[in-house]
Amino acid sequence: MEKQTSPYRWGMVVDLDRCTGCGACVVACQAENNVAICGKKEIAEGRNMHWLRIERFWVGEYPNVRARFLPVLCQHCRDAPCEPVCPVYASYHNPDGLNGQVYNRCVGTRYCGNNCPYAVRVFNFYSHQWPKPLDNQLSPDITVRPRGVMEKCTFCVQRIRRAKEDASGEGRLVRDGEVQPACAQTCPAEALVFGNLADPRSRVARLVRSPRRFRLLEHLGTHPSVYYLKGGGREHV
């Protein structure tokens, strides 16, 4: 196991009991990170650009069947299979436990996307445009990626860096709940909880200790930083 050198290890807990499948997190992620909008033709070709998707599945036996929802984003694996296959080191692991992506280094081999078992990386096939006045909605904190690069969720790393800089200027660590990715901030049901897993007192660290927790494809040994809580109960923390 790698040695923890940073006081931060960012992670997320998704409570499947709370998720209603509304899609607010998907829209918030798209707006915050300048994710391109794909039209009907591109979607039909499988050129979706969303960094976050909502999977739907069914539980129970007919006629007592219920639809449940599973938000899937980059799992920020501790042993990420996307990292060792990148020939230009565009996919890397930072000290805070984030699986980063250097867009101006990516040459579009798509090896990382092919090696990701969660299918959470998207390839930018087109040079997307934001006609006026829609270009005013673009976030100045995030670059507008050109075509030919691989994109994915970063846990809104721009927000994390801003919070760390503010905390460093005050001579302290980032407080629990002080930084939130756009998806967690927007979720009306508070199904997404983000925080520092290295802090045992943080809300996300306490939820991770729940008996309902599980991780996607855990048998692969990728050790994701995104945990899910099975349906059937709620922790009030």
Protein backbone atom coordinates (compact mmCIF):
# COMPACT_ATOMS: atom_id res chain seq x y z
CA MET A 1 0.00 0.00 0.00
CA GLU A 2 1.30 3.44 -0.91
CA LYS A 3 2.43 5.74 1.89
CA GLN A 4 0.10 8.64 2.64
CA THR A 5 2.18 11.82 2.24
CA SER A 6 -0.67 14.34 2.10
CA PRO A 7 -3.16 15.27 4.84
CA TYR A 8 -5.89 14.90 2.20
CA ARG A 9 -7.35 11.86 0.49
CA TRP A 10 -10.43 13.04 -1.34
CA GLY A 11 -13.31 10.66 -1.77
CA MET A 12 -17.06 10.46 -2.21
CA VAL A 13 -19.94 8.46 -0.80
CA VAL A 14 -23.11 7.93 -2.86
CA ASP A 15 -26.21 6.92 -0.90
CA LEU A 16 -28.37 4.90 -3.27
CA ASP A 17 -31.25 5.16 -0.81
CA ARG A 18 -31.37 8.90 -1.40
CA CYS A 19 -30.68 9.14 -5.15
CA THR A 20 -33.84 9.90 -7.14
CA GLY A 21 -32.22 9.88 -10.58
CA CYS A 22 -33.16 13.52 -11.21
CA GLY A 23 -29.96 14.23 -13.17
CA ALA A 24 -29.19 17.53 -11.42
CA CYS A 25 -25.65 16.33 -10.74
CA VAL A 26 -25.10 15.63 -14.45
CA VAL A 27 -26.18 19.14 -15.45
CA ALA A 28 -24.15 20.76 -12.66
CA CYS A 29 -21.02 18.88 -13.71
CA GLN A 30 -21.53 19.92 -17.32
CA ALA A 31 -21.96 23.60 -16.43
CA GLU A 32 -19.09 23.75 -13.93
CA ASN A 33 -16.48 22.01 -16.09
CA ASN A 34 -17.27 23.40 -19.56
CA VAL A 35 -18.33 19.98 -20.79
CA ALA A 36 -19.42 20.12 -24.42
CA ILE A 37 -23.09 19.72 -25.34
CA CYS A 38 -23.69 16.94 -27.84
CA GLY A 39 -26.62 16.96 -30.24
CA LYS A 40 -28.92 14.15 -31.29
CA LYS A 41 -26.63 13.07 -34.14
CA GLU A 42 -23.56 12.81 -31.92
CA ILE A 43 -25.44 10.94 -29.21
CA ALA A 44 -26.71 8.46 -31.81
CA GLU A 45 -23.07 7.86 -32.79
CA GLY A 46 -22.09 7.19 -29.18
CA ARG A 47 -20.25 10.51 -28.81
CA ASN A 48 -21.67 11.43 -25.41
CA MET A 49 -19.51 13.88 -23.44
CA HIS A 50 -21.00 13.70 -19.93
CA TRP A 51 -18.45 13.08 -17.16
CA LEU A 52 -21.20 11.69 -14.93
CA ARG A 53 -24.01 9.32 -15.89
CA ILE A 54 -27.00 7.88 -14.06
CA GLU A 55 -27.44 4.14 -14.51
CA ARG A 56 -30.92 2.71 -13.92
CA PHE A 57 -31.65 -0.76 -12.57
CA TRP A 58 -34.63 -2.60 -11.18
CA VAL A 59 -35.14 -4.29 -7.82
CA GLY A 60 -37.88 -6.62 -6.68
CA GLU A 61 -40.18 -9.03 -8.47
CA TYR A 62 -43.08 -8.08 -10.72
CA PRO A 63 -45.46 -6.44 -9.93
CA ASN A 64 -43.56 -5.09 -6.91
CA VAL A 65 -40.72 -3.62 -8.93
CA ARG A 66 -38.89 -0.40 -8.12
CA ALA A 67 -36.51 1.63 -10.26
CA ARG A 68 -33.22 2.48 -8.53
CA PHE A 69 -30.46 4.74 -9.75
CA LEU A 70 -26.68 4.51 -9.70
CA PRO A 71 -24.58 7.64 -10.39
CA VAL A 72 -21.32 6.60 -12.05
CA LEU A 73 -18.33 8.92 -12.32
CA CYS A 74 -14.56 8.54 -12.29
CA GLN A 75 -13.81 6.33 -9.30
CA HIS A 76 -10.39 7.94 -8.66
CA CYS A 77 -8.88 4.52 -8.05
CA ARG A 78 -5.85 4.19 -5.82
CA ASP A 79 -4.51 1.58 -8.27
CA ALA A 80 -5.99 3.11 -11.41
CA PRO A 81 -5.66 0.91 -14.52
CA CYS A 82 -5.81 4.01 -16.74
CA GLU A 83 -2.53 5.45 -15.47
CA PRO A 84 0.17 2.91 -16.45
CA VAL A 85 -1.05 2.59 -20.06
CA CYS A 86 -0.79 6.30 -20.96
CA PRO A 87 2.34 6.75 -23.11
CA VAL A 88 2.65 10.47 -22.33
CA TYR A 89 1.72 10.39 -18.62
CA ALA A 90 -1.37 12.52 -19.17
CA SER A 91 -3.20 10.34 -16.67
CA TYR A 92 -1.49 10.53 -13.29
CA HIS A 93 -2.10 10.13 -9.55
CA ASN A 94 -1.63 13.17 -7.35
CA PRO A 95 -0.68 13.12 -3.61
CA ASP A 96 -4.29 13.87 -2.59
CA GLY A 97 -5.54 10.61 -4.11
CA LEU A 98 -7.04 12.16 -7.25
CA ASN A 99 -6.67 10.57 -10.65
CA GLY A 100 -5.72 13.64 -12.68
CA GLN A 101 -5.75 14.31 -16.40
CA VAL A 102 -3.34 16.71 -18.10
CA TYR A 103 -5.30 17.85 -21.14
CA ASN A 104 -2.49 19.68 -22.93
CA ARG A 105 -0.34 16.55 -22.66
CA CYS A 106 -2.97 14.09 -23.93
CA VAL A 107 -2.42 12.92 -27.50
CA GLY A 108 -5.67 10.97 -27.77
CA THR A 109 -4.45 7.38 -27.86
CA ARG A 110 -7.54 6.40 -25.81
CA TYR A 111 -5.56 3.64 -24.10
CA CYS A 112 -6.78 4.93 -20.74
CA GLY A 113 -10.42 4.76 -21.82
CA ASN A 114 -9.99 1.21 -23.10
CA ASN A 115 -8.34 0.16 -19.83
CA CYS A 116 -10.96 1.74 -17.55
CA PRO A 117 -13.41 -0.94 -16.33
CA TYR A 118 -15.96 1.72 -15.32
CA ALA A 119 -16.29 3.35 -18.78
CA VAL A 120 -16.18 6.83 -17.25
CA ARG A 121 -13.74 8.45 -19.68
CA VAL A 122 -15.04 10.20 -22.79
CA PHE A 123 -13.13 11.11 -25.94
CA ASN A 124 -13.68 14.50 -27.52
CA PHE A 125 -14.29 13.75 -31.19
CA TYR A 126 -15.34 17.25 -32.26
CA SER A 127 -14.35 20.89 -31.83
CA HIS A 128 -17.45 22.03 -29.96
CA GLN A 129 -18.55 25.65 -30.14
CA TRP A 130 -20.60 27.81 -27.77
CA PRO A 131 -22.32 30.45 -29.92
CA LYS A 132 -22.91 33.87 -28.39
CA PRO A 133 -24.23 34.55 -25.79
CA LEU A 134 -23.80 30.94 -24.54
CA ASP A 135 -20.05 31.45 -24.39
CA ASN A 136 -20.63 33.69 -21.37
CA GLN A 137 -21.58 30.64 -19.32
CA LEU A 138 -18.12 29.10 -19.64
CA SER A 139 -16.18 28.91 -16.38
CA PRO A 140 -12.91 30.90 -16.48
CA ASP A 141 -11.35 28.40 -14.04
CA ILE A 142 -11.51 25.54 -16.55
CA THR A 143 -9.95 25.27 -19.98
CA VAL A 144 -12.15 24.56 -22.99
CA ARG A 145 -10.68 21.33 -24.29
CA PRO A 146 -9.90 20.92 -28.00
CA ARG A 147 -10.90 17.84 -29.91
CA GLY A 148 -8.70 14.78 -29.71
CA VAL A 149 -8.30 14.55 -25.92
CA MET A 150 -9.72 12.25 -23.28
CA GLU A 151 -11.89 13.86 -20.60
CA LYS A 152 -13.24 12.70 -17.24
CA CYS A 153 -14.43 13.74 -13.79
CA THR A 154 -11.80 15.49 -11.65
CA PHE A 155 -13.88 15.98 -8.46
CA CYS A 156 -13.91 19.65 -9.56
CA VAL A 157 -10.19 19.96 -8.83
CA GLN A 158 -10.36 23.73 -9.42
CA ARG A 159 -12.58 24.06 -6.36
CA ILE A 160 -10.27 21.84 -4.31
CA ARG A 161 -7.23 23.93 -5.23
CA ARG A 162 -9.00 27.17 -4.38
CA ALA A 163 -10.06 25.83 -0.97
CA LYS A 164 -6.54 24.56 -0.26
CA GLU A 165 -5.01 27.91 -1.20
CA ASP A 166 -7.46 29.79 1.03
CA ALA A 167 -6.81 27.42 3.92
CA SER A 168 -3.04 27.60 3.43
CA GLY A 169 -3.20 31.40 3.52
CA GLU A 170 -4.88 31.13 6.93
CA GLY A 171 -2.40 28.52 8.16
CA ARG A 172 -4.87 25.65 8.51
CA LEU A 173 -6.22 22.59 6.71
CA VAL A 174 -9.40 22.55 4.63
CA ARG A 175 -12.37 22.10 6.93
CA ASP A 176 -14.87 19.32 6.43
CA GLY A 177 -17.58 20.46 4.02
CA GLU A 178 -15.63 23.55 2.97
CA VAL A 179 -15.14 22.25 -0.57
CA GLN A 180 -17.79 20.47 -2.64
CA PRO A 181 -17.77 19.33 -6.28
CA ALA A 182 -20.61 20.75 -8.36
CA CYS A 183 -22.47 17.42 -8.34
CA ALA A 184 -22.51 17.10 -4.55
CA GLN A 185 -23.38 20.77 -4.08
CA THR A 186 -26.35 20.52 -6.43
CA CYS A 187 -27.87 17.18 -5.39
CA PRO A 188 -31.29 18.04 -3.86
CA ALA A 189 -31.42 14.76 -1.93
CA GLU A 190 -27.85 15.08 -0.59
CA ALA A 191 -27.11 11.64 -1.99
CA LEU A 192 -23.51 12.64 -2.80
CA VAL A 193 -21.17 13.35 0.10
CA PHE A 194 -17.63 14.55 -0.62
CA GLY A 195 -14.75 15.02 1.75
CA ASN A 196 -11.39 14.03 3.12
CA LEU A 197 -11.13 10.28 3.76
CA ALA A 198 -7.85 10.84 5.61
CA ASP A 199 -9.77 12.70 8.33
CA PRO A 200 -11.57 10.06 10.44
CA ARG A 201 -13.92 12.75 11.82
CA SER A 202 -15.13 13.92 8.43
CA ARG A 203 -18.65 13.06 7.35
CA VAL A 204 -17.48 11.07 4.34
CA ALA A 205 -15.07 9.01 6.47
CA ARG A 206 -17.86 8.17 8.92
CA LEU A 207 -20.21 7.12 6.12
CA VAL A 208 -17.50 4.89 4.65
CA ARG A 209 -17.57 2.87 7.87
CA SER A 210 -21.24 2.01 7.26
CA PRO A 211 -22.09 -1.71 6.92
CA ARG A 212 -24.01 -0.77 3.76
CA ARG A 213 -20.91 0.35 1.89
CA PHE A 214 -19.58 -1.24 -1.28
CA ARG A 215 -17.42 -0.23 -4.23
CA LEU A 216 -18.00 -0.91 -7.91
CA LEU A 217 -16.14 -3.92 -9.33
CA GLU A 218 -14.19 -4.19 -6.09
CA HIS A 219 -12.89 -7.61 -7.05
CA LEU A 220 -10.68 -6.01 -9.71
CA GLY A 221 -8.42 -4.53 -7.06
CA THR A 222 -8.53 -0.94 -8.36
CA HIS A 223 -9.40 0.40 -4.87
CA PRO A 224 -11.79 3.22 -5.86
CA SER A 225 -12.22 6.36 -3.76
CA VAL A 226 -15.96 6.41 -4.50
CA TYR A 227 -18.07 4.35 -2.12
CA TYR A 228 -21.74 3.44 -2.48
CA LEU A 229 -24.27 2.75 0.25
CA LYS A 230 -26.78 0.01 -0.48
CA GLY A 231 -30.46 0.67 -0.14
CA GLY A 232 -32.23 -0.32 3.04
CA GLY A 233 -31.30 2.29 5.61
CA ARG A 234 -29.80 5.72 6.25
CA GLU A 235 -27.02 6.95 8.45
CA HIS A 236 -27.67 10.34 10.01
CA VAL A 237 -24.22 11.84 10.31
